[in-house]
Amino acid sequence: MKFSRIERHLSSNIYSMENQAFLSKQVLSELKQIKNLLFENKTVLNVEELAQYTGLSKSKIYKLLSKKLIPTGTNANIRQKFFYKKDIDLWLMGTSKEDLEAEEEFNQLLSQNRKR
């Protein structure tokens, strides 16, 4: 009789530990989802976040920065590099902000000429 009581107690503890492990995994999964949602809403990224966002290594990003081949935010009071997510999206797609502005200006000129 004592033996079965011990077995039940051990069995109960094992079940409890398995349940705790399952719940821990579930909580971690949900935290990752929340973190991803928060990341999607960010408009400004630092180098580490940019590496995560683009899949580029941090050293590759620093090389691109040194050659001025990647769009970056500018603020004389901030030493840390930062990047506007929308500019990075355009850069990744092979379109620069200047290209879009030039296209918009061209379209406005065409629109004005049509009105005449």
C-alpha atoms as a PDB file:
ATOM      1  CA  MET A   1       0.000   0.000   0.000  1.00  0.00           C
ATOM      2  CA  LYS A   2       2.828   2.420   0.832  1.00  0.00           C
ATOM      3  CA  PHE A   3       4.459   1.637  -2.475  1.00  0.00           C
ATOM      4  CA  SER A   4       1.424   2.645  -4.514  1.00  0.00           C
ATOM      5  CA  ARG A   5       1.081   5.899  -2.567  1.00  0.00           C
ATOM      6  CA  ILE A   6       4.707   6.784  -3.392  1.00  0.00           C
ATOM      7  CA  GLU A   7       4.144   5.832  -7.015  1.00  0.00           C
ATOM      8  CA  ARG A   8       1.089   8.084  -7.206  1.00  0.00           C
ATOM      9  CA  HIS A   9       3.000  10.931  -5.586  1.00  0.00           C
ATOM     10  CA  LEU A  10       5.916  10.549  -8.048  1.00  0.00           C
ATOM     11  CA  SER A  11       3.531  10.208 -10.958  1.00  0.00           C
ATOM     12  CA  SER A  12       1.715  13.370  -9.853  1.00  0.00           C
ATOM     13  CA  ASN A  13       5.007  15.289  -9.562  1.00  0.00           C
ATOM     14  CA  ILE A  14       6.120  14.149 -13.030  1.00  0.00           C
ATOM     15  CA  TYR A  15       2.783  15.236 -14.496  1.00  0.00           C
ATOM     16  CA  SER A  16       3.104  18.586 -12.741  1.00  0.00           C
ATOM     17  CA  MET A  17       6.645  19.100 -14.079  1.00  0.00           C
ATOM     18  CA  GLU A  18       5.552  18.187 -17.632  1.00  0.00           C
ATOM     19  CA  ASN A  19       2.632  20.597 -17.342  1.00  0.00           C
ATOM     20  CA  GLN A  20       4.947  23.382 -16.117  1.00  0.00           C
ATOM     21  CA  ALA A  21       7.348  22.746 -19.018  1.00  0.00           C
ATOM     22  CA  PHE A  22       4.450  22.898 -21.485  1.00  0.00           C
ATOM     23  CA  LEU A  23       3.162  26.128 -19.961  1.00  0.00           C
ATOM     24  CA  SER A  24       6.653  27.652 -19.996  1.00  0.00           C
ATOM     25  CA  LYS A  25       7.016  26.862 -23.706  1.00  0.00           C
ATOM     26  CA  GLN A  26       3.576  28.315 -24.388  1.00  0.00           C
ATOM     27  CA  VAL A  27       4.366  31.531 -22.492  1.00  0.00           C
ATOM     28  CA  LEU A  28       7.690  31.907 -24.326  1.00  0.00           C
ATOM     29  CA  SER A  29       5.960  31.413 -27.657  1.00  0.00           C
ATOM     30  CA  GLU A  30       3.387  34.087 -26.860  1.00  0.00           C
ATOM     31  CA  LEU A  31       6.109  36.490 -25.670  1.00  0.00           C
ATOM     32  CA  LYS A  32       7.933  36.016 -28.981  1.00  0.00           C
ATOM     33  CA  GLN A  33       4.716  36.817 -30.853  1.00  0.00           C
ATOM     34  CA  ILE A  34       4.255  39.995 -28.798  1.00  0.00           C
ATOM     35  CA  LYS A  35       7.874  40.990 -29.407  1.00  0.00           C
ATOM     36  CA  ASN A  36       7.420  40.487 -33.157  1.00  0.00           C
ATOM     37  CA  LEU A  37       4.266  42.604 -33.161  1.00  0.00           C
ATOM     38  CA  LEU A  38       6.032  45.405 -31.316  1.00  0.00           C
ATOM     39  CA  PHE A  39       8.998  45.165 -33.711  1.00  0.00           C
ATOM     40  CA  GLU A  40       6.706  45.473 -36.744  1.00  0.00           C
ATOM     41  CA  ASN A  41       5.412  48.806 -35.428  1.00  0.00           C
ATOM     42  CA  LYS A  42       8.863  50.334 -34.969  1.00  0.00           C
ATOM     43  CA  THR A  43       9.758  53.108 -37.399  1.00  0.00           C
ATOM     44  CA  VAL A  44      13.381  53.625 -36.370  1.00  0.00           C
ATOM     45  CA  LEU A  45      15.925  50.808 -36.034  1.00  0.00           C
ATOM     46  CA  ASN A  46      19.402  50.576 -34.550  1.00  0.00           C
ATOM     47  CA  VAL A  47      22.176  48.429 -36.070  1.00  0.00           C
ATOM     48  CA  GLU A  48      21.229  45.303 -34.131  1.00  0.00           C
ATOM     49  CA  GLU A  49      17.556  45.622 -35.035  1.00  0.00           C
ATOM     50  CA  LEU A  50      18.472  46.335 -38.660  1.00  0.00           C
ATOM     51  CA  ALA A  51      20.547  43.150 -38.761  1.00  0.00           C
ATOM     52  CA  GLN A  52      17.571  41.206 -37.435  1.00  0.00           C
ATOM     53  CA  TYR A  53      15.177  42.927 -39.857  1.00  0.00           C
ATOM     54  CA  THR A  54      17.279  42.485 -43.011  1.00  0.00           C
ATOM     55  CA  GLY A  55      19.184  39.315 -42.208  1.00  0.00           C
ATOM     56  CA  LEU A  56      22.471  41.146 -42.859  1.00  0.00           C
ATOM     57  CA  SER A  57      25.278  40.718 -40.370  1.00  0.00           C
ATOM     58  CA  LYS A  58      26.233  43.685 -38.208  1.00  0.00           C
ATOM     59  CA  SER A  59      29.699  43.750 -39.803  1.00  0.00           C
ATOM     60  CA  LYS A  60      28.100  43.931 -43.284  1.00  0.00           C
ATOM     61  CA  ILE A  61      25.932  46.831 -42.120  1.00  0.00           C
ATOM     62  CA  TYR A  62      28.984  48.671 -40.772  1.00  0.00           C
ATOM     63  CA  LYS A  63      30.798  48.093 -44.089  1.00  0.00           C
ATOM     64  CA  LEU A  64      27.816  49.499 -45.984  1.00  0.00           C
ATOM     65  CA  LEU A  65      27.761  52.469 -43.593  1.00  0.00           C
ATOM     66  CA  SER A  66      31.450  53.195 -44.087  1.00  0.00           C
ATOM     67  CA  LYS A  67      30.944  53.227 -47.869  1.00  0.00           C
ATOM     68  CA  LYS A  68      27.726  55.260 -47.487  1.00  0.00           C
ATOM     69  CA  LEU A  69      25.763  52.623 -49.395  1.00  0.00           C
ATOM     70  CA  ILE A  70      22.875  52.329 -46.963  1.00  0.00           C
ATOM     71  CA  PRO A  71      20.393  55.055 -45.978  1.00  0.00           C
ATOM     72  CA  THR A  72      20.821  56.232 -42.416  1.00  0.00           C
ATOM     73  CA  GLY A  73      19.208  58.803 -40.169  1.00  0.00           C
ATOM     74  CA  THR A  74      21.217  61.845 -39.235  1.00  0.00           C
ATOM     75  CA  ASN A  75      21.360  63.667 -35.951  1.00  0.00           C
ATOM     76  CA  ALA A  76      24.534  65.468 -34.881  1.00  0.00           C
ATOM     77  CA  ASN A  77      23.661  64.919 -31.215  1.00  0.00           C
ATOM     78  CA  ILE A  78      23.446  61.130 -31.491  1.00  0.00           C
ATOM     79  CA  ARG A  79      26.556  59.045 -32.009  1.00  0.00           C
ATOM     80  CA  GLN A  80      24.691  55.765 -32.471  1.00  0.00           C
ATOM     81  CA  LYS A  81      23.617  54.961 -36.021  1.00  0.00           C
ATOM     82  CA  PHE A  82      19.922  54.625 -36.693  1.00  0.00           C
ATOM     83  CA  PHE A  83      17.810  53.817 -39.709  1.00  0.00           C
ATOM     84  CA  TYR A  84      14.304  54.703 -40.805  1.00  0.00           C
ATOM     85  CA  LYS A  85      12.479  51.484 -41.566  1.00  0.00           C
ATOM     86  CA  LYS A  86      10.650  52.969 -44.569  1.00  0.00           C
ATOM     87  CA  ASP A  87      13.967  54.098 -46.122  1.00  0.00           C
ATOM     88  CA  ILE A  88      15.452  50.645 -45.549  1.00  0.00           C
ATOM     89  CA  ASP A  89      12.420  49.036 -47.213  1.00  0.00           C
ATOM     90  CA  LEU A  90      12.922  51.247 -50.268  1.00  0.00           C
ATOM     91  CA  TRP A  91      16.649  50.517 -50.273  1.00  0.00           C
ATOM     92  CA  LEU A  92      16.027  46.777 -50.069  1.00  0.00           C
ATOM     93  CA  MET A  93      13.657  47.033 -53.025  1.00  0.00           C
ATOM     94  CA  GLY A  94      16.288  48.924 -55.019  1.00  0.00           C
ATOM     95  CA  THR A  95      14.421  52.217 -54.902  1.00  0.00           C
ATOM     96  CA  SER A  96      15.840  55.324 -53.292  1.00  0.00           C
ATOM     97  CA  LYS A  97      13.917  58.099 -51.610  1.00  0.00           C
ATOM     98  CA  GLU A  98      15.299  60.500 -54.226  1.00  0.00           C
ATOM     99  CA  ASP A  99      13.958  58.286 -57.039  1.00  0.00           C
ATOM    100  CA  LEU A 100      10.473  58.391 -55.541  1.00  0.00           C
ATOM    101  CA  GLU A 101      10.617  62.152 -55.053  1.00  0.00           C
ATOM    102  CA  ALA A 102      11.790  62.652 -58.649  1.00  0.00           C
ATOM    103  CA  GLU A 103       8.996  60.404 -59.934  1.00  0.00           C
ATOM    104  CA  GLU A 104       6.418  62.323 -57.897  1.00  0.00           C
ATOM    105  CA  GLU A 105       7.736  65.646 -59.230  1.00  0.00           C
ATOM    106  CA  PHE A 106       7.605  64.298 -62.793  1.00  0.00           C
ATOM    107  CA  ASN A 107       4.027  63.104 -62.312  1.00  0.00           C
ATOM    108  CA  GLN A 108       3.022  66.531 -60.974  1.00  0.00           C
ATOM    109  CA  LEU A 109       4.568  68.235 -64.016  1.00  0.00           C
ATOM    110  CA  LEU A 110       2.699  65.868 -66.321  1.00  0.00           C
ATOM    111  CA  SER A 111      -0.528  66.586 -64.476  1.00  0.00           C
ATOM    112  CA  GLN A 112       0.002  70.347 -64.790  1.00  0.00           C
ATOM    113  CA  ASN A 113       0.750  70.054 -68.513  1.00  0.00           C
ATOM    114  CA  ARG A 114      -2.433  68.069 -69.110  1.00  0.00           C
ATOM    115  CA  LYS A 115      -4.524  70.780 -67.435  1.00  0.00           C
ATOM    116  CA  ARG A 116      -3.259  73.407 -69.868  1.00  0.00           C
END
